[in-house]
Every structure is written in C-alpha cells, then in structure tokens.
Amino acid sequence: MYHASLERKFALKDLQTLSSGDFSVEGKKVFIDDVAYVQGESKSEVGIEIHSGRNRIVRKIFATLGYKVVKLDRVIFAGMTKKNIQRGHWRHLTDQEVNNLKML
C-alpha cells in the first residue's frame, strides 16, 4: 500500500479507470487491488494498493494517466506498517511478521 502525493488533483474518471481492474503499463497488465483518495486530505493525495512490485511501478501508473508523483510513501508492506515509529527509529519484528516475510 502506497500513499502518493500528486502535483495536481486526481480526477474521479482516472480513479475509476484504475479501479476498473483493466489497466496496463508499458504493455503489461498491472494488478491494482484498491485505489482511493486519502481520507481527510486533498484530492491530490491518493492511496493505492498493488499486487505488482515492478521497478517504479506506482510512478509509472500515474504517469500513464498524465500525473507526476511528487512524493511517494510505502505505508504497508506484508501487513506491517511504520505507524507509531518515529523517523530514524526501529523496532524488532514479531515472530509472526518474520514468518510472513519468509513466505513471500
């Protein structure tokens, strides 16, 4: 799951295009699990959950629709978040988190 900050408002029609499930980048299908405006933020803030880990894929998705990503933050990976962890700090993973990563 990513939080993308775009250089301008993300049009509803483009949100619907990504939500349709039929989207390709550079001739390859991209599996987008979910896309939505970030609640409580401007319409230029978009959350996107993808199934593909290709290089710079989130930036390429938005570029295909004519948007420039000015800031990109991965907020969830393999069920783990960085919530409540200050910048520059870390924590030990739980045994379950380690097992989940091993199964990827």
PDB file of N, CA and C in Angstrom:
ATOM      1  N   MET A   1       0.850  -1.177   0.000  1.00  0.00           N
ATOM      2  CA  MET A   1       0.000   0.000   0.000  1.00  0.00           C
ATOM      3  C   MET A   1       0.888   1.230   0.000  1.00  0.00           C
ATOM      4  N   TYR A   2       0.569   2.150  -0.908  1.00  0.00           N
ATOM      5  CA  TYR A   2       1.342   3.376  -1.072  1.00  0.00           C
ATOM      6  C   TYR A   2       0.453   4.598  -0.888  1.00  0.00           C
ATOM      7  N   HIS A   3       1.055   5.671  -0.431  1.00  0.00           N
ATOM      8  CA  HIS A   3       0.410   6.977  -0.370  1.00  0.00           C
ATOM      9  C   HIS A   3       1.157   7.840  -1.369  1.00  0.00           C
ATOM     10  N   ALA A   4       0.468   8.233  -2.434  1.00  0.00           N
ATOM     11  CA  ALA A   4       1.082   9.041  -3.484  1.00  0.00           C
ATOM     12  C   ALA A   4       0.549  10.468  -3.413  1.00  0.00           C
ATOM     13  N   SER A   5       1.462  11.426  -3.402  1.00  0.00           N
ATOM     14  CA  SER A   5       1.102  12.838  -3.493  1.00  0.00           C
ATOM     15  C   SER A   5       1.365  13.273  -4.925  1.00  0.00           C
ATOM     16  N   LEU A   6       0.305  13.727  -5.586  1.00  0.00           N
ATOM     17  CA  LEU A   6       0.399  14.104  -6.988  1.00  0.00           C
ATOM     18  C   LEU A   6       0.520  15.619  -7.129  1.00  0.00           C
ATOM     19  N   GLU A   7       1.034  16.069  -8.275  1.00  0.00           N
ATOM     20  CA  GLU A   7       1.258  17.501  -8.493  1.00  0.00           C
ATOM     21  C   GLU A   7      -0.051  18.261  -8.708  1.00  0.00           C
ATOM     22  N   ARG A   8      -1.146  17.534  -8.949  1.00  0.00           N
ATOM     23  CA  ARG A   8      -2.455  18.167  -9.123  1.00  0.00           C
ATOM     24  C   ARG A   8      -3.541  17.184  -8.687  1.00  0.00           C
ATOM     25  N   LYS A   9      -4.761  17.677  -8.622  1.00  0.00           N
ATOM     26  CA  LYS A   9      -5.883  16.838  -8.196  1.00  0.00           C
ATOM     27  C   LYS A   9      -6.034  15.638  -9.121  1.00  0.00           C
ATOM     28  N   PHE A  10      -6.346  14.492  -8.537  1.00  0.00           N
ATOM     29  CA  PHE A  10      -6.563  13.255  -9.264  1.00  0.00           C
ATOM     30  C   PHE A  10      -8.033  13.181  -9.656  1.00  0.00           C
ATOM     31  N   ALA A  11      -8.310  13.189 -10.945  1.00  0.00           N
ATOM     32  CA  ALA A  11      -9.687  13.216 -11.450  1.00  0.00           C
ATOM     33  C   ALA A  11     -10.435  11.928 -11.099  1.00  0.00           C
ATOM     34  N   LEU A  12     -11.710  12.090 -10.815  1.00  0.00           N
ATOM     35  CA  LEU A  12     -12.563  10.946 -10.489  1.00  0.00           C
ATOM     36  C   LEU A  12     -12.575   9.926 -11.616  1.00  0.00           C
ATOM     37  N   LYS A  13     -12.585  10.383 -12.875  1.00  0.00           N
ATOM     38  CA  LYS A  13     -12.600   9.438 -14.006  1.00  0.00           C
ATOM     39  C   LYS A  13     -11.327   8.592 -14.019  1.00  0.00           C
ATOM     40  N   ASP A  14     -10.194   9.176 -13.619  1.00  0.00           N
ATOM     41  CA  ASP A  14      -8.944   8.414 -13.570  1.00  0.00           C
ATOM     42  C   ASP A  14      -8.943   7.435 -12.402  1.00  0.00           C
ATOM     43  N   LEU A  15      -9.545   7.837 -11.288  1.00  0.00           N
ATOM     44  CA  LEU A  15      -9.705   6.929 -10.151  1.00  0.00           C
ATOM     45  C   LEU A  15     -10.533   5.721 -10.574  1.00  0.00           C
ATOM     46  N   GLN A  16     -11.599   5.975 -11.319  1.00  0.00           N
ATOM     47  CA  GLN A  16     -12.463   4.893 -11.803  1.00  0.00           C
ATOM     48  C   GLN A  16     -11.725   4.010 -12.808  1.00  0.00           C
ATOM     49  N   THR A  17     -10.872   4.608 -13.635  1.00  0.00           N
ATOM     50  CA  THR A  17     -10.083   3.837 -14.597  1.00  0.00           C
ATOM     51  C   THR A  17      -9.198   2.837 -13.862  1.00  0.00           C
ATOM     52  N   LEU A  18      -8.520   3.294 -12.808  1.00  0.00           N
ATOM     53  CA  LEU A  18      -7.651   2.392 -12.047  1.00  0.00           C
ATOM     54  C   LEU A  18      -8.465   1.347 -11.291  1.00  0.00           C
ATOM     55  N   SER A  19      -9.639   1.728 -10.828  1.00  0.00           N
ATOM     56  CA  SER A  19     -10.490   0.796 -10.074  1.00  0.00           C
ATOM     57  C   SER A  19     -11.100  -0.285 -10.946  1.00  0.00           C
ATOM     58  N   SER A  20     -11.131  -0.060 -12.249  1.00  0.00           N
ATOM     59  CA  SER A  20     -11.803  -0.992 -13.158  1.00  0.00           C
ATOM     60  C   SER A  20     -11.131  -2.359 -13.210  1.00  0.00           C
ATOM     61  N   GLY A  21      -9.843  -2.421 -12.854  1.00  0.00           N
ATOM     62  CA  GLY A  21      -9.137  -3.695 -12.879  1.00  0.00           C
ATOM     63  C   GLY A  21      -8.526  -4.031 -14.216  1.00  0.00           C
ATOM     64  N   ASP A  22      -8.710  -3.188 -15.200  1.00  0.00           N
ATOM     65  CA  ASP A  22      -8.172  -3.434 -16.536  1.00  0.00           C
ATOM     66  C   ASP A  22      -7.223  -2.292 -16.891  1.00  0.00           C
ATOM     67  N   PHE A  23      -5.987  -2.377 -16.423  1.00  0.00           N
ATOM     68  CA  PHE A  23      -5.031  -1.292 -16.615  1.00  0.00           C
ATOM     69  C   PHE A  23      -3.665  -1.879 -16.943  1.00  0.00           C
ATOM     70  N   SER A  24      -2.995  -1.276 -17.922  1.00  0.00           N
ATOM     71  CA  SER A  24      -1.677  -1.750 -18.341  1.00  0.00           C
ATOM     72  C   SER A  24      -0.673  -0.601 -18.331  1.00  0.00           C
ATOM     73  N   VAL A  25       0.575  -0.944 -18.048  1.00  0.00           N
ATOM     74  CA  VAL A  25       1.692  -0.003 -18.099  1.00  0.00           C
ATOM     75  C   VAL A  25       2.778  -0.644 -18.938  1.00  0.00           C
ATOM     76  N   GLU A  26       3.221   0.067 -19.953  1.00  0.00           N
ATOM     77  CA  GLU A  26       4.261  -0.420 -20.855  1.00  0.00           C
ATOM     78  C   GLU A  26       3.909  -1.793 -21.433  1.00  0.00           C
ATOM     79  N   GLY A  27       2.621  -1.968 -21.767  1.00  0.00           N
ATOM     80  CA  GLY A  27       2.156  -3.191 -22.392  1.00  0.00           C
ATOM     81  C   GLY A  27       1.962  -4.374 -21.457  1.00  0.00           C
ATOM     82  N   LYS A  28       2.147  -4.155 -20.152  1.00  0.00           N
ATOM     83  CA  LYS A  28       1.979  -5.243 -19.178  1.00  0.00           C
ATOM     84  C   LYS A  28       0.848  -4.898 -18.218  1.00  0.00           C
ATOM     85  N   LYS A  29      -0.015  -5.876 -17.968  1.00  0.00           N
ATOM     86  CA  LYS A  29      -1.137  -5.680 -17.059  1.00  0.00           C
ATOM     87  C   LYS A  29      -0.630  -5.404 -15.647  1.00  0.00           C
ATOM     88  N   VAL A  30      -1.251  -4.449 -15.003  1.00  0.00           N
ATOM     89  CA  VAL A  30      -0.933  -4.106 -13.618  1.00  0.00           C
ATOM     90  C   VAL A  30      -2.138  -4.487 -12.765  1.00  0.00           C
ATOM     91  N   PHE A  31      -1.896  -5.204 -11.689  1.00  0.00           N
ATOM     92  CA  PHE A  31      -2.970  -5.644 -10.806  1.00  0.00           C
ATOM     93  C   PHE A  31      -3.089  -4.666  -9.646  1.00  0.00           C
ATOM     94  N   ILE A  32      -4.124  -3.829  -9.719  1.00  0.00           N
ATOM     95  CA  ILE A  32      -4.379  -2.833  -8.692  1.00  0.00           C
ATOM     96  C   ILE A  32      -5.498  -3.366  -7.810  1.00  0.00           C
ATOM     97  N   ASP A  33      -5.167  -3.612  -6.539  1.00  0.00           N
ATOM     98  CA  ASP A  33      -6.154  -4.176  -5.624  1.00  0.00           C
ATOM     99  C   ASP A  33      -7.148  -3.134  -5.130  1.00  0.00           C
ATOM    100  N   ASP A  34      -6.661  -1.915  -4.899  1.00  0.00           N
ATOM    101  CA  ASP A  34      -7.536  -0.860  -4.397  1.00  0.00           C
ATOM    102  C   ASP A  34      -6.902   0.492  -4.679  1.00  0.00           C
ATOM    103  N   VAL A  35      -7.729   1.483  -4.899  1.00  0.00           N
ATOM    104  CA  VAL A  35      -7.257   2.857  -5.078  1.00  0.00           C
ATOM    105  C   VAL A  35      -8.344   3.779  -4.543  1.00  0.00           C
ATOM    106  N   ALA A  36      -7.930   4.826  -3.801  1.00  0.00           N
ATOM    107  CA  ALA A  36      -8.897   5.752  -3.215  1.00  0.00           C
ATOM    108  C   ALA A  36      -8.198   7.047  -2.834  1.00  0.00           C
ATOM    109  N   TYR A  37      -9.002   8.103  -2.730  1.00  0.00           N
ATOM    110  CA  TYR A  37      -8.466   9.344  -2.194  1.00  0.00           C
ATOM    111  C   TYR A  37      -8.131   9.112  -0.715  1.00  0.00           C
ATOM    112  N   VAL A  38      -7.074   9.752  -0.235  1.00  0.00           N
ATOM    113  CA  VAL A  38      -6.706   9.624   1.177  1.00  0.00           C
ATOM    114  C   VAL A  38      -7.692  10.465   1.980  1.00  0.00           C
ATOM    115  N   GLN A  39      -8.359   9.822   2.927  1.00  0.00           N
ATOM    116  CA  GLN A  39      -9.394  10.476   3.720  1.00  0.00           C
ATOM    117  C   GLN A  39      -8.815  11.658   4.506  1.00  0.00           C
ATOM    118  N   GLY A  40      -9.511  12.782   4.453  1.00  0.00           N
ATOM    119  CA  GLY A  40      -9.097  13.965   5.185  1.00  0.00           C
ATOM    120  C   GLY A  40      -8.020  14.789   4.507  1.00  0.00           C
ATOM    121  N   GLU A  41      -7.635  14.414   3.294  1.00  0.00           N
ATOM    122  CA  GLU A  41      -6.598  15.131   2.545  1.00  0.00           C
ATOM    123  C   GLU A  41      -7.207  15.682   1.251  1.00  0.00           C
ATOM    124  N   SER A  42      -6.400  16.457   0.519  1.00  0.00           N
ATOM    125  CA  SER A  42      -6.872  16.991  -0.762  1.00  0.00           C
ATOM    126  C   SER A  42      -6.971  15.864  -1.788  1.00  0.00           C
ATOM    127  N   LYS A  43      -7.623  16.138  -2.892  1.00  0.00           N
ATOM    128  CA  LYS A  43      -7.822  15.128  -3.942  1.00  0.00           C
ATOM    129  C   LYS A  43      -6.528  14.804  -4.697  1.00  0.00           C
ATOM    130  N   SER A  44      -5.431  15.456  -4.342  1.00  0.00           N
ATOM    131  CA  SER A  44      -4.144  15.109  -4.956  1.00  0.00           C
ATOM    132  C   SER A  44      -3.414  14.035  -4.151  1.00  0.00           C
ATOM    133  N   GLU A  45      -4.008  13.609  -3.037  1.00  0.00           N
ATOM    134  CA  GLU A  45      -3.442  12.558  -2.192  1.00  0.00           C
ATOM    135  C   GLU A  45      -4.213  11.266  -2.450  1.00  0.00           C
ATOM    136  N   VAL A  46      -3.504  10.236  -2.940  1.00  0.00           N
ATOM    137  CA  VAL A  46      -4.165   9.002  -3.363  1.00  0.00           C
ATOM    138  C   VAL A  46      -3.485   7.800  -2.704  1.00  0.00           C
ATOM    139  N   GLY A  47      -4.301   6.896  -2.189  1.00  0.00           N
ATOM    140  CA  GLY A  47      -3.799   5.625  -1.675  1.00  0.00           C
ATOM    141  C   GLY A  47      -3.986   4.565  -2.747  1.00  0.00           C
ATOM    142  N   ILE A  48      -2.952   3.753  -2.953  1.00  0.00           N
ATOM    143  CA  ILE A  48      -3.045   2.711  -3.980  1.00  0.00           C
ATOM    144  C   ILE A  48      -2.405   1.427  -3.450  1.00  0.00           C
ATOM    145  N   GLU A  49      -3.133   0.340  -3.598  1.00  0.00           N
ATOM    146  CA  GLU A  49      -2.635  -0.973  -3.200  1.00  0.00           C
ATOM    147  C   GLU A  49      -2.456  -1.791  -4.471  1.00  0.00           C
ATOM    148  N   ILE A  50      -1.242  -2.283  -4.658  1.00  0.00           N
ATOM    149  CA  ILE A  50      -0.948  -3.021  -5.885  1.00  0.00           C
ATOM    150  C   ILE A  50      -0.458  -4.418  -5.567  1.00  0.00           C
ATOM    151  N   HIS A  51      -0.539  -5.262  -6.583  1.00  0.00           N
ATOM    152  CA  HIS A  51      -0.134  -6.661  -6.484  1.00  0.00           C
ATOM    153  C   HIS A  51       1.206  -6.904  -7.175  1.00  0.00           C
ATOM    154  N   SER A  52       1.724  -5.854  -7.808  1.00  0.00           N
ATOM    155  CA  SER A  52       2.922  -5.987  -8.622  1.00  0.00           C
ATOM    156  C   SER A  52       4.050  -5.170  -8.010  1.00  0.00           C
ATOM    157  N   GLY A  53       5.258  -5.699  -8.040  1.00  0.00           N
ATOM    158  CA  GLY A  53       6.379  -4.984  -7.459  1.00  0.00           C
ATOM    159  C   GLY A  53       7.417  -4.543  -8.471  1.00  0.00           C
ATOM    160  N   ARG A  54       6.980  -4.267  -9.692  1.00  0.00           N
ATOM    161  CA  ARG A  54       7.941  -3.862 -10.716  1.00  0.00           C
ATOM    162  C   ARG A  54       8.572  -2.516 -10.377  1.00  0.00           C
ATOM    163  N   ASN A  55       9.743  -2.271 -10.928  1.00  0.00           N
ATOM    164  CA  ASN A  55      10.513  -1.062 -10.657  1.00  0.00           C
ATOM    165  C   ASN A  55       9.716   0.207 -10.980  1.00  0.00           C
ATOM    166  N   ARG A  56       9.575   1.078 -10.000  1.00  0.00           N
ATOM    167  CA  ARG A  56       8.919   2.381 -10.141  1.00  0.00           C
ATOM    168  C   ARG A  56       7.483   2.271 -10.674  1.00  0.00           C
ATOM    169  N   ILE A  57       6.816   1.166 -10.383  1.00  0.00           N
ATOM    170  CA  ILE A  57       5.510   0.903 -10.972  1.00  0.00           C
ATOM    171  C   ILE A  57       4.454   1.923 -10.563  1.00  0.00           C
ATOM    172  N   VAL A  58       4.465   2.373  -9.318  1.00  0.00           N
ATOM    173  CA  VAL A  58       3.448   3.334  -8.889  1.00  0.00           C
ATOM    174  C   VAL A  58       3.614   4.642  -9.650  1.00  0.00           C
ATOM    175  N   ARG A  59       4.835   5.108  -9.779  1.00  0.00           N
ATOM    176  CA  ARG A  59       5.087   6.343 -10.537  1.00  0.00           C
ATOM    177  C   ARG A  59       4.669   6.165 -11.998  1.00  0.00           C
ATOM    178  N   LYS A  60       4.924   4.987 -12.555  1.00  0.00           N
ATOM    179  CA  LYS A  60       4.565   4.726 -13.953  1.00  0.00           C
ATOM    180  C   LYS A  60       3.050   4.650 -14.142  1.00  0.00           C
ATOM    181  N   ILE A  61       2.346   4.111 -13.158  1.00  0.00           N
ATOM    182  CA  ILE A  61       0.880   4.043 -13.234  1.00  0.00           C
ATOM    183  C   ILE A  61       0.311   5.453 -13.381  1.00  0.00           C
ATOM    184  N   PHE A  62       0.747   6.341 -12.495  1.00  0.00           N
ATOM    185  CA  PHE A  62       0.217   7.703 -12.538  1.00  0.00           C
ATOM    186  C   PHE A  62       0.711   8.460 -13.772  1.00  0.00           C
ATOM    187  N   ALA A  63       1.944   8.222 -14.191  1.00  0.00           N
ATOM    188  CA  ALA A  63       2.476   8.884 -15.388  1.00  0.00           C
ATOM    189  C   ALA A  63       1.680   8.488 -16.628  1.00  0.00           C
ATOM    190  N   THR A  64       1.239   7.236 -16.691  1.00  0.00           N
ATOM    191  CA  THR A  64       0.433   6.762 -17.814  1.00  0.00           C
ATOM    192  C   THR A  64      -0.857   7.576 -17.942  1.00  0.00           C
ATOM    193  N   LEU A  65      -1.366   8.059 -16.813  1.00  0.00           N
ATOM    194  CA  LEU A  65      -2.589   8.860 -16.814  1.00  0.00           C
ATOM    195  C   LEU A  65      -2.304  10.364 -16.870  1.00  0.00           C
ATOM    196  N   GLY A  66      -1.020  10.734 -16.937  1.00  0.00           N
ATOM    197  CA  GLY A  66      -0.663  12.139 -17.079  1.00  0.00           C
ATOM    198  C   GLY A  66      -0.384  12.875 -15.786  1.00  0.00           C
ATOM    199  N   TYR A  67      -0.094  12.153 -14.717  1.00  0.00           N
ATOM    200  CA  TYR A  67       0.180  12.766 -13.416  1.00  0.00           C
ATOM    201  C   TYR A  67       1.646  12.564 -13.027  1.00  0.00           C
ATOM    202  N   LYS A  68       2.172  13.513 -12.293  1.00  0.00           N
ATOM    203  CA  LYS A  68       3.520  13.391 -11.751  1.00  0.00           C
ATOM    204  C   LYS A  68       3.410  13.159 -10.248  1.00  0.00           C
ATOM    205  N   VAL A  69       4.099  12.140  -9.755  1.00  0.00           N
ATOM    206  CA  VAL A  69       4.140  11.860  -8.323  1.00  0.00           C
ATOM    207  C   VAL A  69       5.244  12.720  -7.718  1.00  0.00           C
ATOM    208  N   VAL A  70       4.868  13.579  -6.768  1.00  0.00           N
ATOM    209  CA  VAL A  70       5.861  14.446  -6.141  1.00  0.00           C
ATOM    210  C   VAL A  70       6.378  13.864  -4.822  1.00  0.00           C
ATOM    211  N   LYS A  71       5.602  12.951  -4.236  1.00  0.00           N
ATOM    212  CA  LYS A  71       6.032  12.275  -3.006  1.00  0.00           C
ATOM    213  C   LYS A  71       5.369  10.903  -2.977  1.00  0.00           C
ATOM    214  N   LEU A  72       6.134   9.895  -2.610  1.00  0.00           N
ATOM    215  CA  LEU A  72       5.611   8.531  -2.560  1.00  0.00           C
ATOM    216  C   LEU A  72       6.071   7.874  -1.277  1.00  0.00           C
ATOM    217  N   ASP A  73       5.128   7.287  -0.556  1.00  0.00           N
ATOM    218  CA  ASP A  73       5.441   6.669   0.726  1.00  0.00           C
ATOM    219  C   ASP A  73       4.786   5.291   0.784  1.00  0.00           C
ATOM    220  N   ARG A  74       5.582   4.266   1.052  1.00  0.00           N
ATOM    221  CA  ARG A  74       5.015   2.925   1.247  1.00  0.00           C
ATOM    222  C   ARG A  74       4.542   2.865   2.691  1.00  0.00           C
ATOM    223  N   VAL A  75       3.241   2.700   2.871  1.00  0.00           N
ATOM    224  CA  VAL A  75       2.688   2.744   4.221  1.00  0.00           C
ATOM    225  C   VAL A  75       2.439   1.360   4.810  1.00  0.00           C
ATOM    226  N   ILE A  76       2.289   0.353   3.963  1.00  0.00           N
ATOM    227  CA  ILE A  76       2.114  -1.028   4.438  1.00  0.00           C
ATOM    228  C   ILE A  76       2.889  -1.951   3.517  1.00  0.00           C
ATOM    229  N   PHE A  77       3.610  -2.890   4.111  1.00  0.00           N
ATOM    230  CA  PHE A  77       4.296  -3.918   3.340  1.00  0.00           C
ATOM    231  C   PHE A  77       4.160  -5.230   4.088  1.00  0.00           C
ATOM    232  N   ALA A  78       3.631  -6.242   3.439  1.00  0.00           N
ATOM    233  CA  ALA A  78       3.460  -7.576   4.026  1.00  0.00           C
ATOM    234  C   ALA A  78       2.718  -7.510   5.362  1.00  0.00           C
ATOM    235  N   GLY A  79       1.723  -6.615   5.432  1.00  0.00           N
ATOM    236  CA  GLY A  79       0.927  -6.497   6.643  1.00  0.00           C
ATOM    237  C   GLY A  79       1.570  -5.670   7.745  1.00  0.00           C
ATOM    238  N   MET A  80       2.753  -5.163   7.500  1.00  0.00           N
ATOM    239  CA  MET A  80       3.451  -4.370   8.517  1.00  0.00           C
ATOM    240  C   MET A  80       3.347  -2.886   8.166  1.00  0.00           C
ATOM    241  N   THR A  81       3.226  -2.060   9.198  1.00  0.00           N
ATOM    242  CA  THR A  81       3.204  -0.627   8.997  1.00  0.00           C
ATOM    243  C   THR A  81       4.323   0.006   9.810  1.00  0.00           C
ATOM    244  N   LYS A  82       4.577   1.258   9.526  1.00  0.00           N
ATOM    245  CA  LYS A  82       5.556   2.004  10.309  1.00  0.00           C
ATOM    246  C   LYS A  82       4.863   2.956  11.270  1.00  0.00           C
ATOM    247  N   LYS A  83       3.579   2.708  11.468  1.00  0.00           N
ATOM    248  CA  LYS A  83       2.776   3.528  12.361  1.00  0.00           C
ATOM    249  C   LYS A  83       3.389   3.532  13.761  1.00  0.00           C
ATOM    250  N   ASN A  84       3.398   4.681  14.376  1.00  0.00           N
ATOM    251  CA  ASN A  84       3.926   4.887  15.732  1.00  0.00           C
ATOM    252  C   ASN A  84       5.435   4.679  15.839  1.00  0.00           C
ATOM    253  N   ILE A  85       6.137   4.655  14.713  1.00  0.00           N
ATOM    254  CA  ILE A  85       7.600   4.582  14.735  1.00  0.00           C
ATOM    255  C   ILE A  85       8.120   5.895  14.173  1.00  0.00           C
ATOM    256  N   GLN A  86       8.866   6.621  14.985  1.00  0.00           N
ATOM    257  CA  GLN A  86       9.391   7.903  14.551  1.00  0.00           C
ATOM    258  C   GLN A  86      10.485   7.698  13.512  1.00  0.00           C
ATOM    259  N   ARG A  87      10.657   8.723  12.659  1.00  0.00           N
ATOM    260  CA  ARG A  87      11.694   8.698  11.641  1.00  0.00           C
ATOM    261  C   ARG A  87      13.050   8.448  12.313  1.00  0.00           C
ATOM    262  N   GLY A  88      13.801   7.520  11.762  1.00  0.00           N
ATOM    263  CA  GLY A  88      15.122   7.202  12.297  1.00  0.00           C
ATOM    264  C   GLY A  88      15.110   6.163  13.408  1.00  0.00           C
ATOM    265  N   HIS A  89      13.930   5.702  13.799  1.00  0.00           N
ATOM    266  CA  HIS A  89      13.818   4.682  14.840  1.00  0.00           C
ATOM    267  C   HIS A  89      13.414   3.352  14.220  1.00  0.00           C
ATOM    268  N   TRP A  90      13.459   2.293  15.000  1.00  0.00           N
ATOM    269  CA  TRP A  90      13.128   0.967  14.523  1.00  0.00           C
ATOM    270  C   TRP A  90      12.536   0.169  15.671  1.00  0.00           C
ATOM    271  N   ARG A  91      12.051  -1.021  15.350  1.00  0.00           N
ATOM    272  CA  ARG A  91      11.565  -1.958  16.367  1.00  0.00           C
ATOM    273  C   ARG A  91      11.876  -3.369  15.899  1.00  0.00           C
ATOM    274  N   HIS A  92      11.888  -4.295  16.822  1.00  0.00           N
ATOM    275  CA  HIS A  92      12.066  -5.701  16.468  1.00  0.00           C
ATOM    276  C   HIS A  92      10.775  -6.224  15.846  1.00  0.00           C
ATOM    277  N   LEU A  93      10.899  -7.094  14.869  1.00  0.00           N
ATOM    278  CA  LEU A  93       9.732  -7.739  14.271  1.00  0.00           C
ATOM    279  C   LEU A  93       9.243  -8.849  15.185  1.00  0.00           C
ATOM    280  N   THR A  94       7.954  -9.089  15.161  1.00  0.00           N
ATOM    281  CA  THR A  94       7.409 -10.219  15.906  1.00  0.00           C
ATOM    282  C   THR A  94       7.737 -11.504  15.149  1.00  0.00           C
ATOM    283  N   ASP A  95       7.635 -12.623  15.815  1.00  0.00           N
ATOM    284  CA  ASP A  95       7.855 -13.913  15.150  1.00  0.00           C
ATOM    285  C   ASP A  95       6.899 -14.097  13.973  1.00  0.00           C
ATOM    286  N   GLN A  96       5.648 -13.654  14.135  1.00  0.00           N
ATOM    287  CA  GLN A  96       4.653 -13.777  13.064  1.00  0.00           C
ATOM    288  C   GLN A  96       5.049 -12.930  11.865  1.00  0.00           C
ATOM    289  N   GLU A  97       5.542 -11.728  12.089  1.00  0.00           N
ATOM    290  CA  GLU A  97       5.975 -10.868  10.984  1.00  0.00           C
ATOM    291  C   GLU A  97       7.149 -11.486  10.226  1.00  0.00           C
ATOM    292  N   VAL A  98       8.068 -12.072  10.948  1.00  0.00           N
ATOM    293  CA  VAL A  98       9.223 -12.731  10.312  1.00  0.00           C
ATOM    294  C   VAL A  98       8.733 -13.906   9.477  1.00  0.00           C
ATOM    295  N   ASN A  99       7.827 -14.698  10.015  1.00  0.00           N
ATOM    296  CA  ASN A  99       7.275 -15.840   9.268  1.00  0.00           C
ATOM    297  C   ASN A  99       6.548 -15.373   8.006  1.00  0.00           C
ATOM    298  N   ASN A 100       5.781 -14.281   8.109  1.00  0.00           N
ATOM    299  CA  ASN A 100       5.069 -13.748   6.945  1.00  0.00           C
ATOM    300  C   ASN A 100       6.054 -13.319   5.862  1.00  0.00           C
ATOM    301  N   LEU A 101       7.149 -12.698   6.239  1.00  0.00           N
ATOM    302  CA  LEU A 101       8.155 -12.277   5.265  1.00  0.00           C
ATOM    303  C   LEU A 101       8.825 -13.473   4.608  1.00  0.00           C
ATOM    304  N   LYS A 102       9.067 -14.524   5.356  1.00  0.00           N
ATOM    305  CA  LYS A 102       9.686 -15.724   4.800  1.00  0.00           C
ATOM    306  C   LYS A 102       8.794 -16.394   3.761  1.00  0.00           C
ATOM    307  N   MET A 103       7.491 -16.202   3.879  1.00  0.00           N
ATOM    308  CA  MET A 103       6.558 -16.837   2.947  1.00  0.00           C
ATOM    309  C   MET A 103       6.383 -16.037   1.645  1.00  0.00           C
ATOM    310  N   LEU A 104       6.939 -14.828   1.583  1.00  0.00           N
ATOM    311  CA  LEU A 104       6.774 -14.014   0.369  1.00  0.00           C
ATOM    312  C   LEU A 104       7.507 -14.599  -0.814  1.00  0.00           C
TER     313      LEU A 104
END
